[in-house]
Amino acid sequence: MSQTTKCVFLDRDGVLNEDLSDYLHKLDDLVIPEGMPEALELLKEAGFLLIVITNQAGIAKGMYGSEAVYAIHEKMQEISENALDDIYFAPSHPDFTGKSLSRKPDSLMLEKAIAKYDIDTTQSWMIGDRSRDMEAGHKVGLKTIHIIPENETSAGDYTAVSLFEAAKIILAQTTKRVL
């Protein structure tokens, strides 16, 4: 029997970096939230694969190209000591390119990663800051953590105010299961 992999899927904007009112596509605008590299390190040490799953509608809108997404990703890799294992992004927007099954809340990006890496969804998580992230995660059987300011309504199985808090939730739940 082959060993399956546990994974934490991460939305990008609002989770790995501060969300902007406009689309993040310039390195100068990248702001990393406090605790992000430490959170990724904790999850890696616990044996999780870390995969970014992000909608990038700015590409469909002609605001930037895929090279901007890769440049931001490379900078995040540098900041996190290469903790991220892969990135999947949907360059579409329904008003510009038509409907896409890759774009969250649909789950095709997650399904592709699950198949590629033989991921055990029962041991895996989706962390995002939007209800569409929670919906995509639920479609493939992931536990979800919704990063939201305190006292807001959540669509996730759990809520946290930061990626670091989300990592602590995952580690607490993972430890419980092992005991």
Protein backbone atom coordinates (compact mmCIF):
# COMPACT_ATOMS: atom_id res chain seq x y z
CA MET A 1 0.00 0.00 0.00
CA SER A 2 1.43 3.39 -0.97
CA GLN A 3 1.86 6.14 1.58
CA THR A 4 -0.61 8.97 1.06
CA THR A 5 0.31 12.56 1.68
CA LYS A 6 -1.26 15.09 4.00
CA CYS A 7 -1.46 18.63 2.72
CA VAL A 8 -2.40 22.16 3.68
CA PHE A 9 -3.79 24.07 0.72
CA LEU A 10 -3.31 27.81 1.05
CA ASP A 11 -5.11 30.66 -0.62
CA ARG A 12 -2.60 33.38 -1.44
CA ASP A 13 -4.05 36.88 -1.05
CA GLY A 14 -5.28 37.44 2.49
CA VAL A 15 -3.47 34.35 3.80
CA LEU A 16 0.17 34.31 2.64
CA ASN A 17 0.22 38.05 1.98
CA GLU A 18 -1.86 41.07 2.94
CA ASP A 19 -4.82 41.42 0.60
CA LEU A 20 -4.86 44.62 -1.43
CA SER A 21 -7.94 46.50 -2.60
CA ASP A 22 -6.45 46.08 -6.08
CA TYR A 23 -4.77 42.96 -7.49
CA LEU A 24 -1.30 42.14 -6.13
CA HIS A 25 1.04 41.88 -9.08
CA LYS A 26 4.03 44.10 -8.17
CA LEU A 27 6.74 42.86 -5.82
CA ASP A 28 6.89 46.34 -4.22
CA ASP A 29 3.29 45.88 -3.04
CA LEU A 30 3.89 42.49 -1.39
CA VAL A 31 3.31 42.63 2.38
CA ILE A 32 3.87 39.44 4.36
CA PRO A 33 1.72 39.11 7.51
CA GLU A 34 3.46 38.62 10.81
CA GLY A 35 4.03 34.93 11.55
CA MET A 36 3.62 33.68 7.97
CA PRO A 37 7.11 32.10 7.57
CA GLU A 38 6.90 30.59 11.08
CA ALA A 39 3.45 29.13 10.35
CA LEU A 40 4.71 27.47 7.16
CA GLU A 41 7.73 26.11 9.02
CA LEU A 42 5.51 24.58 11.74
CA LEU A 43 3.31 22.90 9.12
CA LYS A 44 6.33 21.57 7.18
CA GLU A 45 7.85 20.17 10.39
CA ALA A 46 4.53 18.38 11.03
CA GLY A 47 4.89 16.66 7.65
CA PHE A 48 2.40 18.64 5.55
CA LEU A 49 2.82 19.36 1.88
CA LEU A 50 2.07 23.07 1.30
CA ILE A 51 0.30 23.98 -1.95
CA VAL A 52 -0.94 27.43 -2.97
CA ILE A 53 -4.39 27.52 -4.63
CA THR A 54 -5.23 31.01 -5.91
CA ASN A 55 -7.63 32.77 -8.26
CA GLN A 56 -5.79 35.34 -10.36
CA ALA A 57 -8.52 37.17 -12.26
CA GLY A 58 -6.18 40.10 -12.92
CA ILE A 59 -4.69 37.98 -15.72
CA ALA A 60 -8.07 37.64 -17.46
CA LYS A 61 -8.63 41.36 -16.98
CA GLY A 62 -5.32 42.12 -18.73
CA MET A 63 -3.78 43.77 -15.66
CA TYR A 64 -0.74 41.47 -15.52
CA GLY A 65 0.53 38.15 -16.86
CA SER A 66 1.36 34.82 -15.28
CA GLU A 67 4.99 35.91 -14.87
CA ALA A 68 3.83 38.36 -12.17
CA VAL A 69 2.18 35.49 -10.26
CA TYR A 70 5.39 33.45 -10.47
CA ALA A 71 7.51 36.45 -9.37
CA ILE A 72 5.36 36.93 -6.24
CA HIS A 73 5.53 33.18 -5.59
CA GLU A 74 9.33 33.18 -5.89
CA LYS A 75 9.56 36.04 -3.39
CA MET A 76 7.31 34.11 -0.98
CA GLN A 77 9.58 31.09 -1.43
CA GLU A 78 12.58 33.24 -0.57
CA ILE A 79 10.86 34.63 2.56
CA SER A 80 9.71 31.16 3.71
CA GLU A 81 12.93 29.28 2.87
CA ASN A 82 11.22 27.37 0.04
CA ALA A 83 8.45 25.97 2.25
CA LEU A 84 5.84 26.00 -0.53
CA ASP A 85 5.71 22.80 -2.57
CA ASP A 86 3.63 23.96 -5.54
CA ILE A 87 1.32 26.67 -6.84
CA TYR A 88 -1.89 26.35 -8.83
CA PHE A 89 -3.64 29.43 -10.12
CA ALA A 90 -6.76 30.13 -12.15
CA PRO A 91 -6.11 32.98 -14.63
CA SER A 92 -9.79 33.28 -15.48
CA HIS A 93 -12.74 35.48 -14.59
CA PRO A 94 -16.33 34.66 -15.64
CA ASP A 95 -16.97 38.17 -17.03
CA PHE A 96 -13.84 38.05 -19.22
CA THR A 97 -13.08 34.42 -20.05
CA GLY A 98 -16.27 32.54 -19.22
CA LYS A 99 -16.84 30.01 -16.45
CA SER A 100 -13.89 27.89 -15.36
CA LEU A 101 -13.92 24.81 -13.15
CA SER A 102 -10.45 25.80 -11.93
CA ARG A 103 -11.61 29.06 -10.40
CA LYS A 104 -12.69 28.79 -6.76
CA PRO A 105 -15.38 28.08 -5.52
CA ASP A 106 -14.99 25.22 -8.01
CA SER A 107 -12.38 22.64 -7.10
CA LEU A 108 -10.46 21.59 -10.20
CA MET A 109 -7.14 23.09 -8.98
CA LEU A 110 -7.51 21.12 -5.74
CA GLU A 111 -8.49 17.95 -7.60
CA LYS A 112 -5.41 18.20 -9.85
CA ALA A 113 -3.08 18.62 -6.86
CA ILE A 114 -4.78 15.79 -4.95
CA ALA A 115 -4.26 13.45 -7.90
CA LYS A 116 -0.69 14.59 -8.63
CA TYR A 117 0.55 14.26 -5.05
CA ASP A 118 -1.69 11.36 -3.89
CA ILE A 119 -3.12 13.52 -1.13
CA ASP A 120 -5.27 12.02 1.62
CA THR A 121 -8.12 14.54 1.90
CA THR A 122 -9.14 13.18 5.32
CA GLN A 123 -5.81 14.42 6.73
CA SER A 124 -5.70 17.65 4.72
CA TRP A 125 -6.84 21.25 5.08
CA MET A 126 -7.78 24.36 3.09
CA ILE A 127 -6.93 27.76 4.57
CA GLY A 128 -8.49 30.81 2.95
CA ASP A 129 -9.97 34.21 3.65
CA ARG A 130 -13.10 33.93 1.48
CA SER A 131 -16.16 31.71 1.58
CA ARG A 132 -15.26 30.51 -1.95
CA ASP A 133 -12.07 28.99 -0.49
CA MET A 134 -14.15 27.13 2.10
CA GLU A 135 -16.60 25.96 -0.56
CA ALA A 136 -13.83 24.62 -2.82
CA GLY A 137 -12.23 22.80 0.13
CA HIS A 138 -15.52 21.25 1.21
CA LYS A 139 -16.20 19.99 -2.35
CA VAL A 140 -13.15 17.70 -2.11
CA GLY A 141 -13.59 16.71 1.54
CA LEU A 142 -11.01 18.97 3.20
CA LYS A 143 -11.32 20.47 6.66
CA THR A 144 -11.32 24.25 6.30
CA ILE A 145 -10.04 27.23 8.25
CA HIS A 146 -11.48 30.63 7.41
CA ILE A 147 -9.12 33.51 8.17
CA ILE A 148 -11.35 36.41 9.15
CA PRO A 149 -11.32 39.30 11.58
CA GLU A 150 -12.79 38.39 14.94
CA ASN A 151 -16.60 38.39 15.24
CA GLU A 152 -17.27 37.90 11.51
CA THR A 153 -19.40 35.06 10.19
CA SER A 154 -17.37 32.12 8.92
CA ALA A 155 -18.02 29.52 6.24
CA GLY A 156 -15.17 27.36 7.53
CA ASP A 157 -15.02 24.42 9.89
CA TYR A 158 -12.70 26.56 12.03
CA THR A 159 -11.83 30.25 12.13
CA ALA A 160 -8.55 32.04 12.77
CA VAL A 161 -7.35 35.63 12.59
CA SER A 162 -4.03 34.73 10.89
CA LEU A 163 -2.14 31.94 9.17
CA PHE A 164 -0.12 31.42 12.35
CA GLU A 165 -3.34 30.89 14.35
CA ALA A 166 -4.60 28.53 11.63
CA ALA A 167 -1.37 26.50 11.81
CA LYS A 168 -1.82 26.15 15.59
CA ILE A 169 -5.37 24.84 15.04
CA ILE A 170 -4.14 22.26 12.51
CA LEU A 171 -1.33 21.10 14.79
CA ALA A 172 -3.72 20.81 17.76
CA GLN A 173 -6.20 18.77 15.68
CA THR A 174 -3.45 16.58 14.20
CA THR A 175 -1.97 15.88 17.65
CA LYS A 176 -5.41 14.91 19.02
CA ARG A 177 -5.87 12.38 16.24
CA VAL A 178 -2.51 10.72 16.91
CA LEU A 179 -3.16 10.28 20.66
